[in-house]
Amino acid sequence: MVALLVHLYWYLVPLSRRRRCLFRESCSHHAFRIAKQSGDLAAAMAIVRRIRLCRPGYSLVHSEVGSSHLRYVVG
């Protein structure tokens, strides 16, 4: 069921209208992967956890040397 909802989200919401994700793997891709591996209940719990960890107003910046840091969106 979660995989179906994710496919529906991917179909209905164009890529240009989606928020940029703080994580390397977007929340929808994460939920889809978890649903395929562990089932709908695990995917629902994973997406709730991801939403709680999401920090609007910040972006994750990766450097070439492999380090990462949070950057406030307005600079």
Protein backbone atom coordinates (compact mmCIF):
# COMPACT_ATOMS: atom_id res chain seq x y z
CA MET A 1 0.00 0.00 0.00
CA VAL A 2 2.80 2.47 0.89
CA ALA A 3 4.58 1.67 -2.38
CA LEU A 4 1.36 2.44 -4.26
CA LEU A 5 0.98 5.76 -2.42
CA VAL A 6 4.59 6.67 -3.23
CA HIS A 7 4.03 5.88 -6.91
CA LEU A 8 0.91 8.03 -6.84
CA TYR A 9 2.91 10.89 -5.25
CA TRP A 10 5.63 10.56 -7.90
CA TYR A 11 2.99 10.65 -10.63
CA LEU A 12 0.89 13.54 -9.28
CA VAL A 13 3.57 15.89 -7.93
CA PRO A 14 6.03 17.04 -10.60
CA LEU A 15 9.71 16.98 -9.69
CA SER A 16 9.91 20.77 -10.01
CA ARG A 17 7.28 21.19 -7.24
CA ARG A 18 8.92 18.86 -4.72
CA ARG A 19 11.05 20.22 -1.91
CA ARG A 20 14.75 19.49 -1.96
CA CYS A 21 15.45 16.79 0.59
CA LEU A 22 17.87 17.16 3.49
CA PHE A 23 18.87 13.51 3.16
CA ARG A 24 20.78 11.89 0.29
CA GLU A 25 17.86 9.55 -0.32
CA SER A 26 14.56 11.42 -0.51
CA CYS A 27 11.78 10.53 1.90
CA SER A 28 9.63 9.02 -0.84
CA HIS A 29 12.47 6.84 -2.12
CA HIS A 30 13.31 5.84 1.45
CA ALA A 31 9.69 4.86 2.17
CA PHE A 32 9.46 2.95 -1.12
CA ARG A 33 12.66 1.01 -0.38
CA ILE A 34 11.57 0.17 3.17
CA ALA A 35 8.12 -0.91 1.93
CA LYS A 36 9.70 -3.32 -0.55
CA GLN A 37 12.15 -4.70 2.04
CA SER A 38 10.11 -4.82 5.25
CA GLY A 39 6.46 -4.08 4.50
CA ASP A 40 3.99 -1.27 4.93
CA LEU A 41 4.11 -0.92 8.70
CA ALA A 42 7.90 -0.50 8.72
CA ALA A 43 7.64 1.98 5.83
CA ALA A 44 5.01 4.04 7.66
CA MET A 45 7.18 4.15 10.78
CA ALA A 46 10.22 5.08 8.68
CA ILE A 47 8.44 7.96 6.95
CA VAL A 48 7.16 9.33 10.28
CA ARG A 49 10.72 9.20 11.65
CA ARG A 50 12.07 10.91 8.53
CA ILE A 51 9.51 13.71 8.75
CA ARG A 52 10.43 14.28 12.40
CA LEU A 53 14.11 14.50 11.47
CA CYS A 54 13.50 16.91 8.60
CA ARG A 55 14.63 20.46 9.32
CA PRO A 56 12.85 22.97 7.07
CA GLY A 57 14.96 26.03 6.45
CA TYR A 58 18.24 24.12 6.29
CA SER A 59 20.03 22.25 3.53
CA LEU A 60 22.76 19.65 3.70
CA VAL A 61 25.90 20.60 1.75
CA HIS A 62 28.39 17.92 0.70
CA SER A 63 31.98 18.81 -0.15
CA GLU A 64 34.30 17.00 -2.55
CA VAL A 65 36.41 15.62 0.31
CA GLY A 66 33.44 13.75 1.76
CA SER A 67 32.47 16.01 4.65
CA SER A 68 29.00 17.50 5.07
CA HIS A 69 27.53 20.43 6.94
CA LEU A 70 24.15 22.11 7.42
CA ARG A 71 23.62 25.48 5.78
CA TYR A 72 20.83 27.89 6.56
CA VAL A 73 18.81 28.29 3.35
CA VAL A 74 18.86 32.11 3.32
CA GLY A 75 22.64 32.10 3.50
